Amino acid sequence: MFKKLIICILLIFPITSFSEDEKKIFQELKVVAENGSPEAQYHLGMLYNNGLGTEKNAEAALKWFKKSAEGGDPLGHYKLGCYYSGQAGNLLPIDENKALEHKLVAAQAGYTLAQDEVAGIYYQRGEYDKAVYWWEQGVYQGDPYSFYKLFSMYYEGKVIPKNIEKSYWLIKIIEKNSDNQEKEKIQPKITDLETQLTTEQISKLNTEIAAWKSERSELTIKAKSGIKETKQVIENAKKM
């Protein structure tokens, strides 16, 4: 009975522990954010958002994302856009227009995740040319989802004109980065496309595919660096 009571208490009041390093990062970052750094404000919002070094607190996260966006930080804009998309729960009403407005700032600054989500919004609205544009930006950075979405659009030719050469180029790069099971699944489409291309076209495209390399933007690299980038923001502030 006593053990059951302890379990119930733990379920109601979960014990959250943070390492000394996490606590230090949170405390130091908070000082930098409070001093007005939009970049630090974004990272502080993420610590509250993810519960790192402090308890999860969506309201506090939203406060700092707003400040970050007001200061012009593109990742602050992105997360505020996510909150307008529904991540804020009841803190904000879902507003697709505001979500697009904020995510577009990050997409234009080069953040691949924002580019993908902006493309998705435009696709749902039937603005296919804009969706293609933003998924193409994701392709430049090697975003797998952007490759699949563009391939489907060009291969099916339902909402944009069918394009055999672009379809082949996209799916062959998908193939290069797929495991054996995925390669088996997409092989019929590759074979189908090859029957619609000349030997010369295939040779030219394969040369381009072999030479192609993705190039991630600086913002995408920063966004995906997580706590490493958070520490860098703190270190940069100390040097000022």
Protein backbone atom coordinates (compact mmCIF):
# COMPACT_ATOMS: atom_id res chain seq x y z
CA MET A 1 0.00 0.00 0.00
CA PHE A 2 2.82 2.36 0.96
CA LYS A 3 4.66 1.62 -2.31
CA LYS A 4 1.49 2.27 -4.30
CA LEU A 5 1.06 5.61 -2.52
CA ILE A 6 4.62 6.65 -3.41
CA ILE A 7 4.03 5.71 -7.05
CA CYS A 8 0.84 7.79 -7.16
CA ILE A 9 2.63 10.79 -5.65
CA LEU A 10 5.43 10.48 -8.20
CA LEU A 11 2.90 10.35 -11.02
CA ILE A 12 1.14 13.48 -9.77
CA PHE A 13 4.34 15.33 -8.91
CA PRO A 14 7.00 14.01 -11.29
CA ILE A 15 10.57 14.56 -10.13
CA THR A 16 12.52 16.62 -12.63
CA SER A 17 16.28 16.82 -12.26
CA PHE A 18 18.73 18.86 -14.27
CA SER A 19 22.47 18.56 -14.49
CA GLU A 20 24.60 21.38 -13.10
CA ASP A 21 25.68 22.16 -16.65
CA GLU A 22 22.05 22.54 -17.79
CA LYS A 23 21.24 24.80 -14.85
CA LYS A 24 24.30 26.94 -15.53
CA ILE A 25 23.41 27.28 -19.21
CA PHE A 26 19.89 28.35 -18.33
CA GLN A 27 21.01 30.91 -15.75
CA GLU A 28 23.71 32.44 -17.96
CA LEU A 29 21.50 32.51 -21.04
CA LYS A 30 18.71 34.21 -19.12
CA VAL A 31 21.04 37.08 -18.28
CA VAL A 32 22.03 37.50 -21.95
CA ALA A 33 18.37 37.34 -23.05
CA GLU A 34 17.30 39.89 -20.44
CA ASN A 35 20.04 42.19 -21.74
CA GLY A 36 18.20 42.28 -25.07
CA SER A 37 19.83 39.73 -27.38
CA PRO A 38 17.14 38.43 -29.79
CA GLU A 39 19.26 35.35 -30.51
CA ALA A 40 19.61 34.57 -26.81
CA GLN A 41 15.88 35.20 -26.35
CA TYR A 42 15.13 32.52 -28.96
CA HIS A 43 17.41 30.02 -27.23
CA LEU A 44 15.93 30.83 -23.83
CA GLY A 45 12.48 30.23 -25.30
CA MET A 46 13.71 26.84 -26.50
CA LEU A 47 14.97 25.93 -23.01
CA TYR A 48 11.51 26.72 -21.62
CA ASN A 49 9.87 24.97 -24.58
CA ASN A 50 11.88 21.76 -24.10
CA GLY A 51 12.32 21.84 -20.34
CA LEU A 52 16.11 21.98 -20.40
CA GLY A 53 17.75 23.48 -17.33
CA THR A 54 14.33 24.61 -16.16
CA GLU A 55 10.78 23.31 -15.97
CA LYS A 56 8.82 23.25 -19.21
CA ASN A 57 6.82 26.43 -19.43
CA ALA A 58 4.98 27.20 -22.67
CA GLU A 59 3.87 30.62 -21.45
CA ALA A 60 7.45 31.68 -20.67
CA ALA A 61 8.64 30.19 -23.96
CA LEU A 62 6.04 32.20 -25.86
CA LYS A 63 7.09 35.39 -24.07
CA TRP A 64 10.70 34.96 -25.16
CA PHE A 65 9.85 33.86 -28.69
CA LYS A 66 7.78 37.04 -29.06
CA LYS A 67 10.66 39.18 -27.80
CA SER A 68 13.07 37.39 -30.11
CA ALA A 69 10.82 37.90 -33.13
CA GLU A 70 10.31 41.56 -32.24
CA GLY A 71 14.10 41.87 -32.25
CA GLY A 72 14.27 40.38 -35.74
CA ASP A 73 15.69 36.93 -35.01
CA PRO A 74 14.49 34.55 -37.78
CA LEU A 75 14.40 31.49 -35.50
CA GLY A 76 12.36 33.47 -32.97
CA HIS A 77 9.95 34.23 -35.81
CA TYR A 78 9.87 30.53 -36.75
CA LYS A 79 8.96 29.34 -33.26
CA LEU A 80 6.34 32.07 -32.90
CA GLY A 81 4.92 30.82 -36.18
CA CYS A 82 4.85 27.31 -34.75
CA TYR A 83 2.95 28.58 -31.73
CA TYR A 84 0.41 30.23 -34.03
CA SER A 85 0.14 26.85 -35.76
CA GLY A 86 -1.06 25.25 -32.53
CA GLN A 87 2.04 24.45 -30.48
CA ALA A 88 1.03 27.01 -27.85
CA GLY A 89 -2.06 25.05 -26.83
CA ASN A 90 -4.60 27.55 -25.49
CA LEU A 91 -2.08 30.36 -25.12
CA LEU A 92 -2.64 31.59 -28.67
CA PRO A 93 -5.50 31.14 -31.12
CA ILE A 94 -4.49 29.14 -34.18
CA ASP A 95 -3.91 31.66 -36.95
CA GLU A 96 -2.57 30.30 -40.24
CA ASN A 97 -1.92 33.75 -41.66
CA LYS A 98 0.23 34.79 -38.72
CA ALA A 99 1.92 31.38 -38.71
CA LEU A 100 2.83 31.88 -42.37
CA GLU A 101 3.95 35.46 -41.79
CA HIS A 102 6.43 34.44 -39.09
CA LYS A 103 7.64 31.21 -40.69
CA LEU A 104 8.19 33.07 -43.94
CA VAL A 105 10.78 35.28 -42.21
CA ALA A 106 12.76 32.18 -41.24
CA ALA A 107 12.28 30.59 -44.65
CA GLN A 108 13.62 33.69 -46.39
CA ALA A 109 16.59 33.67 -44.00
CA GLY A 110 17.39 30.13 -45.13
CA TYR A 111 15.97 27.81 -42.45
CA THR A 112 15.09 24.59 -44.26
CA LEU A 113 12.41 23.45 -41.78
CA ALA A 114 10.61 26.76 -42.20
CA GLN A 115 10.92 26.46 -45.97
CA ASP A 116 9.28 23.05 -45.89
CA GLU A 117 6.43 24.23 -43.67
CA VAL A 118 5.86 27.39 -45.70
CA ALA A 119 5.72 25.23 -48.83
CA GLY A 120 3.15 23.00 -47.14
CA ILE A 121 0.93 25.96 -46.27
CA TYR A 122 1.04 27.27 -49.83
CA TYR A 123 0.32 23.77 -51.15
CA GLN A 124 -2.78 23.46 -48.96
CA ARG A 125 -3.93 26.86 -50.23
CA GLY A 126 -3.53 25.74 -53.82
CA GLU A 127 -0.67 28.18 -54.47
CA TYR A 128 1.41 25.49 -56.12
CA ASP A 129 4.04 27.70 -57.76
CA LYS A 130 4.96 29.12 -54.35
CA ALA A 131 4.98 25.63 -52.84
CA VAL A 132 7.36 24.45 -55.58
CA TYR A 133 9.64 27.42 -55.00
CA TRP A 134 10.03 26.74 -51.29
CA TRP A 135 10.43 22.99 -51.67
CA GLU A 136 13.13 23.73 -54.24
CA GLN A 137 14.93 25.78 -51.60
CA GLY A 138 14.72 22.76 -49.32
CA VAL A 139 16.13 20.54 -52.08
CA TYR A 140 19.18 22.79 -52.39
CA GLN A 141 19.84 22.06 -48.71
CA GLY A 142 19.27 18.33 -49.09
CA ASP A 143 15.99 18.16 -47.17
CA PRO A 144 14.56 14.64 -47.81
CA TYR A 145 10.91 15.67 -47.44
CA SER A 146 11.36 18.44 -50.02
CA PHE A 147 12.77 15.89 -52.46
CA TYR A 148 9.78 13.58 -52.02
CA LYS A 149 7.20 16.34 -52.31
CA LEU A 150 8.74 17.84 -55.45
CA PHE A 151 9.20 14.42 -57.01
CA SER A 152 5.54 13.57 -56.46
CA MET A 153 4.40 16.87 -57.97
CA TYR A 154 6.56 16.58 -61.08
CA TYR A 155 5.99 12.85 -61.53
CA GLU A 156 2.21 12.91 -61.12
CA GLY A 157 1.67 16.17 -63.01
CA LYS A 158 -1.65 16.83 -61.29
CA VAL A 159 -1.17 20.33 -59.92
CA ILE A 160 1.88 21.41 -61.96
CA PRO A 161 3.03 20.26 -65.41
CA LYS A 162 4.60 16.80 -65.48
CA ASN A 163 8.38 16.95 -65.86
CA ILE A 164 10.15 13.66 -66.58
CA GLU A 165 13.72 14.99 -66.38
CA LYS A 166 13.20 16.74 -63.04
CA SER A 167 11.36 13.68 -61.70
CA TYR A 168 14.28 11.46 -62.66
CA TRP A 169 16.86 13.85 -61.17
CA LEU A 170 14.97 14.03 -57.88
CA ILE A 171 14.28 10.33 -57.46
CA LYS A 172 17.83 9.31 -58.34
CA ILE A 173 19.18 11.53 -55.56
CA ILE A 174 16.54 10.08 -53.25
CA GLU A 175 17.84 6.65 -54.27
CA LYS A 176 21.43 7.65 -53.44
CA ASN A 177 20.40 8.44 -49.89
CA SER A 178 18.02 5.49 -49.33
CA ASP A 179 18.46 2.13 -47.66
CA ASN A 180 17.93 -1.09 -49.61
CA GLN A 181 14.28 -1.43 -48.62
CA GLU A 182 13.48 2.09 -49.81
CA LYS A 183 15.44 1.53 -53.04
CA GLU A 184 13.28 -1.49 -53.83
CA LYS A 185 10.13 0.56 -53.31
CA ILE A 186 11.14 3.37 -55.66
CA GLN A 187 12.76 1.20 -58.36
CA PRO A 188 9.54 0.77 -60.40
CA LYS A 189 9.23 4.57 -60.69
CA ILE A 190 12.87 4.89 -61.78
CA THR A 191 12.32 2.19 -64.42
CA ASP A 192 9.17 3.94 -65.60
CA LEU A 193 11.01 7.24 -65.98
CA GLU A 194 13.93 5.62 -67.80
CA THR A 195 11.54 4.32 -70.46
CA GLN A 196 10.49 7.92 -71.13
CA LEU A 197 14.01 9.32 -71.45
CA THR A 198 16.61 8.91 -74.17
CA THR A 199 20.01 7.37 -73.48
CA GLU A 200 21.57 10.80 -73.94
CA GLN A 201 19.18 12.40 -71.45
CA ILE A 202 19.85 9.71 -68.84
CA SER A 203 23.61 10.04 -69.29
CA LYS A 204 23.49 13.83 -68.94
CA LEU A 205 21.24 13.66 -65.87
CA ASN A 206 23.38 11.00 -64.19
CA THR A 207 26.46 13.20 -64.65
CA GLU A 208 24.64 16.09 -62.98
CA ILE A 209 23.41 13.83 -60.18
CA ALA A 210 26.91 12.47 -59.48
CA ALA A 211 28.29 16.02 -59.18
CA TRP A 212 25.43 17.44 -57.09
CA LYS A 213 25.99 18.30 -53.44
CA SER A 214 23.57 19.80 -50.96
CA GLU A 215 24.51 23.04 -49.27
CA ARG A 216 22.95 23.80 -45.91
CA SER A 217 22.49 27.43 -44.97
CA GLU A 218 24.23 28.91 -41.96
CA LEU A 219 20.85 29.35 -40.26
CA THR A 220 19.89 25.70 -40.78
CA ILE A 221 23.22 24.59 -39.31
CA LYS A 222 22.71 26.87 -36.30
CA ALA A 223 19.14 25.68 -35.75
CA LYS A 224 20.19 22.04 -35.82
CA SER A 225 23.15 22.59 -33.49
CA GLY A 226 20.85 22.84 -30.47
CA ILE A 227 22.58 23.20 -27.11
CA LYS A 228 25.98 23.63 -28.80
CA GLU A 229 24.75 26.82 -30.44
CA THR A 230 23.14 27.94 -27.16
CA LYS A 231 26.53 27.69 -25.46
CA GLN A 232 28.11 29.63 -28.31
CA VAL A 233 25.62 32.47 -27.86
CA ILE A 234 26.61 32.67 -24.18
CA GLU A 235 30.33 32.62 -25.01
CA ASN A 236 29.90 35.32 -27.64
CA ALA A 237 28.09 37.52 -25.10
CA LYS A 238 30.95 37.10 -22.61
CA LYS A 239 33.45 38.39 -25.17
CA MET A 240 31.52 41.60 -25.79
